[in-house]
Amino acid sequence: SAPHPARVHSPDEAALSEDFWWVDTPAKSTL
């Protein structure tokens, strides 16, 4: 997939493929 503009990575996410990403809002984070 194309890079997601809201993608936020942490060091622990390094091994997950780029098809996974976190979206952070003030109320929650969604994988």
PDB file of all heavy atoms in Angstrom:
ATOM      1  N   SER A   1       0.830  -1.191   0.000  1.00  0.00           N
ATOM      2  CA  SER A   1       0.000   0.000   0.000  1.00  0.00           C
ATOM      3  C   SER A   1       0.873   1.253   0.000  1.00  0.00           C
ATOM      4  O   SER A   1       2.034   1.227   0.376  1.00  0.00           O
ATOM      5  CB  SER A   1      -0.927   0.004   1.210  1.00  0.00           C
ATOM      6  OG  SER A   1      -0.160   0.129   2.378  1.00  0.00           O
ATOM      7  N   ALA A   2       0.269   2.355  -0.408  1.00  0.00           N
ATOM      8  CA  ALA A   2       0.970   3.638  -0.387  1.00  0.00           C
ATOM      9  C   ALA A   2       1.128   4.093   1.056  1.00  0.00           C
ATOM     10  O   ALA A   2       0.315   3.747   1.908  1.00  0.00           O
ATOM     11  CB  ALA A   2       0.169   4.661  -1.186  1.00  0.00           C
ATOM     12  N   PRO A   3       2.169   4.864   1.337  1.00  0.00           N
ATOM     13  CA  PRO A   3       2.345   5.347   2.711  1.00  0.00           C
ATOM     14  C   PRO A   3       1.132   6.154   3.162  1.00  0.00           C
ATOM     15  O   PRO A   3       0.556   6.907   2.397  1.00  0.00           O
ATOM     16  CB  PRO A   3       3.590   6.238   2.614  1.00  0.00           C
ATOM     17  CG  PRO A   3       4.305   5.773   1.399  1.00  0.00           C
ATOM     18  CD  PRO A   3       3.244   5.282   0.460  1.00  0.00           C
ATOM     19  N   HIS A   4       0.756   5.957   4.392  1.00  0.00           N
ATOM     20  CA  HIS A   4      -0.389   6.646   4.967  1.00  0.00           C
ATOM     21  C   HIS A   4       0.101   7.944   5.596  1.00  0.00           C
ATOM     22  O   HIS A   4       1.067   7.942   6.351  1.00  0.00           O
ATOM     23  CB  HIS A   4      -1.042   5.743   6.017  1.00  0.00           C
ATOM     24  CG  HIS A   4      -2.364   6.222   6.469  1.00  0.00           C
ATOM     25  ND1 HIS A   4      -2.488   7.224   7.388  1.00  0.00           N
ATOM     26  CD2 HIS A   4      -3.610   5.870   6.119  1.00  0.00           C
ATOM     27  CE1 HIS A   4      -3.762   7.462   7.601  1.00  0.00           C
ATOM     28  NE2 HIS A   4      -4.461   6.658   6.843  1.00  0.00           N
ATOM     29  N   PRO A   5      -0.548   9.084   5.323  1.00  0.00           N
ATOM     30  CA  PRO A   5      -0.043  10.353   5.836  1.00  0.00           C
ATOM     31  C   PRO A   5      -0.053  10.469   7.355  1.00  0.00           C
ATOM     32  O   PRO A   5       0.736  11.206   7.912  1.00  0.00           O
ATOM     33  CB  PRO A   5      -0.983  11.392   5.210  1.00  0.00           C
ATOM     34  CG  PRO A   5      -2.180  10.641   4.777  1.00  0.00           C
ATOM     35  CD  PRO A   5      -1.733   9.233   4.515  1.00  0.00           C
ATOM     36  N   ALA A   6      -0.929   9.746   8.048  1.00  0.00           N
ATOM     37  CA  ALA A   6      -1.008   9.842   9.507  1.00  0.00           C
ATOM     38  C   ALA A   6      -0.184   8.765  10.190  1.00  0.00           C
ATOM     39  O   ALA A   6      -0.281   8.575  11.378  1.00  0.00           O
ATOM     40  CB  ALA A   6      -2.466   9.749   9.957  1.00  0.00           C
ATOM     41  N   ARG A   7       0.638   8.062   9.440  1.00  0.00           N
ATOM     42  CA  ARG A   7       1.397   6.941   9.985  1.00  0.00           C
ATOM     43  C   ARG A   7       2.398   7.419  11.037  1.00  0.00           C
ATOM     44  O   ARG A   7       3.129   8.371  10.812  1.00  0.00           O
ATOM     45  CB  ARG A   7       2.126   6.251   8.851  1.00  0.00           C
ATOM     46  CG  ARG A   7       2.816   4.979   9.285  1.00  0.00           C
ATOM     47  CD  ARG A   7       3.328   4.232   8.112  1.00  0.00           C
ATOM     48  NE  ARG A   7       2.174   3.712   7.409  1.00  0.00           N
ATOM     49  CZ  ARG A   7       2.231   3.010   6.314  1.00  0.00           C
ATOM     50  NH1 ARG A   7       3.389   2.726   5.779  1.00  0.00           N
ATOM     51  NH2 ARG A   7       1.145   2.576   5.731  1.00  0.00           N
ATOM     52  N   VAL A   8       2.407   6.748  12.160  1.00  0.00           N
ATOM     53  CA  VAL A   8       3.351   7.049  13.232  1.00  0.00           C
ATOM     54  C   VAL A   8       4.015   5.739  13.614  1.00  0.00           C
ATOM     55  O   VAL A   8       3.340   4.764  13.905  1.00  0.00           O
ATOM     56  CB  VAL A   8       2.631   7.642  14.474  1.00  0.00           C
ATOM     57  CG1 VAL A   8       3.617   7.876  15.593  1.00  0.00           C
ATOM     58  CG2 VAL A   8       1.910   8.920  14.092  1.00  0.00           C
ATOM     59  N   HIS A   9       5.329   5.696  13.582  1.00  0.00           N
ATOM     60  CA  HIS A   9       6.055   4.466  13.906  1.00  0.00           C
ATOM     61  C   HIS A   9       6.745   4.592  15.252  1.00  0.00           C
ATOM     62  O   HIS A   9       7.159   5.670  15.652  1.00  0.00           O
ATOM     63  CB  HIS A   9       7.124   4.178  12.853  1.00  0.00           C
ATOM     64  CG  HIS A   9       6.563   3.807  11.529  1.00  0.00           C
ATOM     65  ND1 HIS A   9       6.026   2.582  11.269  1.00  0.00           N
ATOM     66  CD2 HIS A   9       6.442   4.507  10.385  1.00  0.00           C
ATOM     67  CE1 HIS A   9       5.611   2.541  10.029  1.00  0.00           C
ATOM     68  NE2 HIS A   9       5.850   3.697   9.456  1.00  0.00           N
ATOM     69  N   SER A  10       6.850   3.484  15.932  1.00  0.00           N
ATOM     70  CA  SER A  10       7.667   3.433  17.137  1.00  0.00           C
ATOM     71  C   SER A  10       8.731   2.374  16.895  1.00  0.00           C
ATOM     72  O   SER A  10       8.591   1.561  15.982  1.00  0.00           O
ATOM     73  CB  SER A  10       6.817   3.059  18.359  1.00  0.00           C
ATOM     74  OG  SER A  10       6.497   1.694  18.331  1.00  0.00           O
ATOM     75  N   PRO A  11       9.788   2.330  17.685  1.00  0.00           N
ATOM     76  CA  PRO A  11      10.832   1.320  17.476  1.00  0.00           C
ATOM     77  C   PRO A  11      10.299  -0.107  17.523  1.00  0.00           C
ATOM     78  O   PRO A  11      10.800  -0.977  16.840  1.00  0.00           O
ATOM     79  CB  PRO A  11      11.816   1.582  18.626  1.00  0.00           C
ATOM     80  CG  PRO A  11      11.572   2.994  19.015  1.00  0.00           C
ATOM     81  CD  PRO A  11      10.116   3.263  18.748  1.00  0.00           C
ATOM     82  N   ASP A  12       9.252  -0.355  18.303  1.00  0.00           N
ATOM     83  CA  ASP A  12       8.716  -1.709  18.414  1.00  0.00           C
ATOM     84  C   ASP A  12       7.977  -2.156  17.162  1.00  0.00           C
ATOM     85  O   ASP A  12       7.708  -3.321  16.989  1.00  0.00           O
ATOM     86  CB  ASP A  12       7.761  -1.811  19.612  1.00  0.00           C
ATOM     87  CG  ASP A  12       8.504  -1.649  20.920  1.00  0.00           C
ATOM     88  OD1 ASP A  12       9.673  -2.066  20.989  1.00  0.00           O
ATOM     89  OD2 ASP A  12       7.919  -1.110  21.858  1.00  0.00           O
ATOM     90  N   GLU A  13       7.622  -1.230  16.294  1.00  0.00           N
ATOM     91  CA  GLU A  13       6.865  -1.560  15.107  1.00  0.00           C
ATOM     92  C   GLU A  13       7.753  -1.954  13.935  1.00  0.00           C
ATOM     93  O   GLU A  13       7.249  -2.301  12.883  1.00  0.00           O
ATOM     94  CB  GLU A  13       6.003  -0.374  14.676  1.00  0.00           C
ATOM     95  CG  GLU A  13       4.960   0.009  15.680  1.00  0.00           C
ATOM     96  CD  GLU A  13       4.242   1.260  15.232  1.00  0.00           C
ATOM     97  OE1 GLU A  13       3.698   1.267  14.121  1.00  0.00           O
ATOM     98  OE2 GLU A  13       4.228   2.223  15.994  1.00  0.00           O
ATOM     99  N   ALA A  14       9.064  -1.892  14.088  1.00  0.00           N
ATOM    100  CA  ALA A  14       9.982  -2.058  12.978  1.00  0.00           C
ATOM    101  C   ALA A  14       9.733  -3.331  12.175  1.00  0.00           C
ATOM    102  O   ALA A  14       9.863  -3.318  10.964  1.00  0.00           O
ATOM    103  CB  ALA A  14      11.417  -2.025  13.478  1.00  0.00           C
ATOM    104  N   ALA A  15       9.367  -4.435  12.800  1.00  0.00           N
ATOM    105  CA  ALA A  15       9.227  -5.690  12.083  1.00  0.00           C
ATOM    106  C   ALA A  15       7.865  -5.861  11.403  1.00  0.00           C
ATOM    107  O   ALA A  15       7.707  -6.728  10.573  1.00  0.00           O
ATOM    108  CB  ALA A  15       9.484  -6.865  13.011  1.00  0.00           C
ATOM    109  N   LEU A  16       6.880  -5.036  11.757  1.00  0.00           N
ATOM    110  CA  LEU A  16       5.591  -5.119  11.077  1.00  0.00           C
ATOM    111  C   LEU A  16       5.726  -4.482   9.702  1.00  0.00           C
ATOM    112  O   LEU A  16       6.449  -3.511   9.524  1.00  0.00           O
ATOM    113  CB  LEU A  16       4.495  -4.409  11.875  1.00  0.00           C
ATOM    114  CG  LEU A  16       4.060  -5.088  13.167  1.00  0.00           C
ATOM    115  CD1 LEU A  16       3.019  -4.218  13.873  1.00  0.00           C
ATOM    116  CD2 LEU A  16       3.509  -6.468  12.918  1.00  0.00           C
ATOM    117  N   SER A  17       5.006  -5.017   8.733  1.00  0.00           N
ATOM    118  CA  SER A  17       5.094  -4.481   7.379  1.00  0.00           C
ATOM    119  C   SER A  17       4.483  -3.091   7.316  1.00  0.00           C
ATOM    120  O   SER A  17       3.791  -2.646   8.229  1.00  0.00           O
ATOM    121  CB  SER A  17       4.377  -5.410   6.399  1.00  0.00           C
ATOM    122  OG  SER A  17       2.981  -5.229   6.476  1.00  0.00           O
ATOM    123  N   GLU A  18       4.723  -2.401   6.212  1.00  0.00           N
ATOM    124  CA  GLU A  18       4.182  -1.053   6.059  1.00  0.00           C
ATOM    125  C   GLU A  18       2.675  -1.061   5.877  1.00  0.00           C
ATOM    126  O   GLU A  18       2.050  -0.002   5.826  1.00  0.00           O
ATOM    127  CB  GLU A  18       4.865  -0.322   4.910  1.00  0.00           C
ATOM    128  CG  GLU A  18       4.612  -0.935   3.558  1.00  0.00           C
ATOM    129  CD  GLU A  18       5.386  -0.229   2.461  1.00  0.00           C
ATOM    130  OE1 GLU A  18       6.541   0.128   2.705  1.00  0.00           O
ATOM    131  OE2 GLU A  18       4.825  -0.048   1.387  1.00  0.00           O
ATOM    132  N   ASP A  19       2.060  -2.241   5.786  1.00  0.00           N
ATOM    133  CA  ASP A  19       0.604  -2.325   5.718  1.00  0.00           C
ATOM    134  C   ASP A  19      -0.045  -2.082   7.079  1.00  0.00           C
ATOM    135  O   ASP A  19      -1.259  -1.994   7.186  1.00  0.00           O
ATOM    136  CB  ASP A  19       0.167  -3.693   5.184  1.00  0.00           C
ATOM    137  CG  ASP A  19       0.554  -3.877   3.725  1.00  0.00           C
ATOM    138  OD1 ASP A  19       0.513  -2.877   2.973  1.00  0.00           O
ATOM    139  OD2 ASP A  19       0.908  -5.003   3.337  1.00  0.00           O
ATOM    140  N   PHE A  20       0.773  -2.001   8.146  1.00  0.00           N
ATOM    141  CA  PHE A  20       0.303  -1.693   9.494  1.00  0.00           C
ATOM    142  C   PHE A  20       0.725  -0.279   9.844  1.00  0.00           C
ATOM    143  O   PHE A  20       1.852   0.123   9.550  1.00  0.00           O
ATOM    144  CB  PHE A  20       0.934  -2.627  10.532  1.00  0.00           C
ATOM    145  CG  PHE A  20       0.434  -4.040  10.471  1.00  0.00           C
ATOM    146  CD1 PHE A  20       1.062  -4.969   9.670  1.00  0.00           C
ATOM    147  CD2 PHE A  20      -0.654  -4.438  11.227  1.00  0.00           C
ATOM    148  CE1 PHE A  20       0.615  -6.282   9.615  1.00  0.00           C
ATOM    149  CE2 PHE A  20      -1.110  -5.739  11.184  1.00  0.00           C
ATOM    150  CZ  PHE A  20      -0.476  -6.661  10.372  1.00  0.00           C
ATOM    151  N   TRP A  21      -0.151   0.470  10.481  1.00  0.00           N
ATOM    152  CA  TRP A  21       0.217   1.789  10.979  1.00  0.00           C
ATOM    153  C   TRP A  21      -0.729   2.213  12.091  1.00  0.00           C
ATOM    154  O   TRP A  21      -1.831   1.726  12.205  1.00  0.00           O
ATOM    155  CB  TRP A  21       0.265   2.833   9.865  1.00  0.00           C
ATOM    156  CG  TRP A  21      -1.034   3.137   9.207  1.00  0.00           C
ATOM    157  CD1 TRP A  21      -1.962   4.067   9.595  1.00  0.00           C
ATOM    158  CD2 TRP A  21      -1.580   2.518   8.044  1.00  0.00           C
ATOM    159  NE1 TRP A  21      -3.031   4.060   8.748  1.00  0.00           N
ATOM    160  CE2 TRP A  21      -2.823   3.114   7.772  1.00  0.00           C
ATOM    161  CE3 TRP A  21      -1.121   1.510   7.183  1.00  0.00           C
ATOM    162  CZ2 TRP A  21      -3.629   2.740   6.701  1.00  0.00           C
ATOM    163  CZ3 TRP A  21      -1.929   1.142   6.122  1.00  0.00           C
ATOM    164  CH2 TRP A  21      -3.158   1.760   5.892  1.00  0.00           C
ATOM    165  N   TRP A  22      -0.222   3.135  12.913  1.00  0.00           N
ATOM    166  CA  TRP A  22      -0.996   3.712  14.009  1.00  0.00           C
ATOM    167  C   TRP A  22      -1.558   5.053  13.576  1.00  0.00           C
ATOM    168  O   TRP A  22      -0.868   5.853  12.957  1.00  0.00           O
ATOM    169  CB  TRP A  22      -0.114   3.931  15.236  1.00  0.00           C
ATOM    170  CG  TRP A  22       0.247   2.681  15.953  1.00  0.00           C
ATOM    171  CD1 TRP A  22       1.423   1.992  15.848  1.00  0.00           C
ATOM    172  CD2 TRP A  22      -0.553   1.969  16.891  1.00  0.00           C
ATOM    173  NE1 TRP A  22       1.385   0.899  16.664  1.00  0.00           N
ATOM    174  CE2 TRP A  22       0.189   0.861  17.320  1.00  0.00           C
ATOM    175  CE3 TRP A  22      -1.836   2.167  17.405  1.00  0.00           C
ATOM    176  CZ2 TRP A  22      -0.304  -0.051  18.243  1.00  0.00           C
ATOM    177  CZ3 TRP A  22      -2.324   1.257  18.329  1.00  0.00           C
ATOM    178  CH2 TRP A  22      -1.569   0.163  18.740  1.00  0.00           C
ATOM    179  N   VAL A  23      -2.789   5.311  13.935  1.00  0.00           N
ATOM    180  CA  VAL A  23      -3.401   6.617  13.771  1.00  0.00           C
ATOM    181  C   VAL A  23      -3.729   7.116  15.178  1.00  0.00           C
ATOM    182  O   VAL A  23      -4.459   6.453  15.917  1.00  0.00           O
ATOM    183  CB  VAL A  23      -4.682   6.550  12.902  1.00  0.00           C
ATOM    184  CG1 VAL A  23      -5.368   7.904  12.867  1.00  0.00           C
ATOM    185  CG2 VAL A  23      -4.340   6.078  11.507  1.00  0.00           C
ATOM    186  N   ASP A  24      -3.151   8.256  15.530  1.00  0.00           N
ATOM    187  CA  ASP A  24      -3.333   8.822  16.867  1.00  0.00           C
ATOM    188  C   ASP A  24      -4.281  10.011  16.808  1.00  0.00           C
ATOM    189  O   ASP A  24      -4.143  10.881  15.944  1.00  0.00           O
ATOM    190  CB  ASP A  24      -1.991   9.275  17.439  1.00  0.00           C
ATOM    191  CG  ASP A  24      -1.068   8.111  17.722  1.00  0.00           C
ATOM    192  OD1 ASP A  24      -1.509   7.131  18.337  1.00  0.00           O
ATOM    193  OD2 ASP A  24       0.096   8.188  17.321  1.00  0.00           O
ATOM    194  N   THR A  25      -5.248  10.025  17.711  1.00  0.00           N
ATOM    195  CA  THR A  25      -6.128  11.166  17.920  1.00  0.00           C
ATOM    196  C   THR A  25      -6.029  11.521  19.398  1.00  0.00           C
ATOM    197  O   THR A  25      -5.451  10.748  20.175  1.00  0.00           O
ATOM    198  CB  THR A  25      -7.603  10.824  17.561  1.00  0.00           C
ATOM    199  OG1 THR A  25      -8.091   9.856  18.499  1.00  0.00           O
ATOM    200  CG2 THR A  25      -7.717  10.282  16.137  1.00  0.00           C
ATOM    201  N   PRO A  26      -6.599  12.643  19.821  1.00  0.00           N
ATOM    202  CA  PRO A  26      -6.547  12.964  21.255  1.00  0.00           C
ATOM    203  C   PRO A  26      -7.219  11.903  22.133  1.00  0.00           C
ATOM    204  O   PRO A  26      -6.816  11.697  23.268  1.00  0.00           O
ATOM    205  CB  PRO A  26      -7.278  14.305  21.347  1.00  0.00           C
ATOM    206  CG  PRO A  26      -7.096  14.912  19.993  1.00  0.00           C
ATOM    207  CD  PRO A  26      -7.128  13.751  19.031  1.00  0.00           C
ATOM    208  N   ALA A  27      -8.229  11.212  21.611  1.00  0.00           N
ATOM    209  CA  ALA A  27      -8.987  10.259  22.421  1.00  0.00           C
ATOM    210  C   ALA A  27      -8.409   8.846  22.411  1.00  0.00           C
ATOM    211  O   ALA A  27      -8.600   8.097  23.361  1.00  0.00           O
ATOM    212  CB  ALA A  27     -10.435  10.209  21.941  1.00  0.00           C
ATOM    213  N   LYS A  28      -7.730   8.455  21.317  1.00  0.00           N
ATOM    214  CA  LYS A  28      -7.255   7.069  21.232  1.00  0.00           C
ATOM    215  C   LYS A  28      -6.214   6.923  20.145  1.00  0.00           C
ATOM    216  O   LYS A  28      -5.998   7.816  19.332  1.00  0.00           O
ATOM    217  CB  LYS A  28      -8.416   6.114  20.966  1.00  0.00           C
ATOM    218  CG  LYS A  28      -9.051   6.273  19.599  1.00  0.00           C
ATOM    219  CD  LYS A  28     -10.190   5.293  19.409  1.00  0.00           C
ATOM    220  CE  LYS A  28     -10.863   5.506  18.058  1.00  0.00           C
ATOM    221  NZ  LYS A  28     -11.958   4.576  17.855  1.00  0.00           N
ATOM    222  N   SER A  29      -5.575   5.754  20.125  1.00  0.00           N
ATOM    223  CA  SER A  29      -4.685   5.338  19.047  1.00  0.00           C
ATOM    224  C   SER A  29      -5.281   4.077  18.448  1.00  0.00           C
ATOM    225  O   SER A  29      -5.771   3.209  19.181  1.00  0.00           O
ATOM    226  CB  SER A  29      -3.290   5.018  19.577  1.00  0.00           C
ATOM    227  OG  SER A  29      -2.672   6.174  20.077  1.00  0.00           O
ATOM    228  N   THR A  30      -5.251   3.968  17.131  1.00  0.00           N
ATOM    229  CA  THR A  30      -5.805   2.802  16.451  1.00  0.00           C
ATOM    230  C   THR A  30      -4.742   2.202  15.552  1.00  0.00           C
ATOM    231  O   THR A  30      -4.136   2.905  14.741  1.00  0.00           O
ATOM    232  CB  THR A  30      -7.042   3.177  15.616  1.00  0.00           C
ATOM    233  OG1 THR A  30      -8.028   3.741  16.479  1.00  0.00           O
ATOM    234  CG2 THR A  30      -7.628   1.962  14.915  1.00  0.00           C
ATOM    235  N   LEU A  31      -4.529   0.889  15.686  1.00  0.00           N
ATOM    236  CA  LEU A  31      -3.633   0.160  14.796  1.00  0.00           C
ATOM    237  C   LEU A  31      -4.451  -0.330  13.614  1.00  0.00           C
ATOM    238  O   LEU A  31      -5.457  -1.027  13.791  1.00  0.00           O
ATOM    239  CB  LEU A  31      -2.985  -1.023  15.513  1.00  0.00           C
ATOM    240  CG  LEU A  31      -2.040  -1.883  14.658  1.00  0.00           C
ATOM    241  CD1 LEU A  31      -0.862  -1.050  14.131  1.00  0.00           C
ATOM    242  CD2 LEU A  31      -1.547  -3.080  15.463  1.00  0.00           C
TER     243      LEU A  31
END
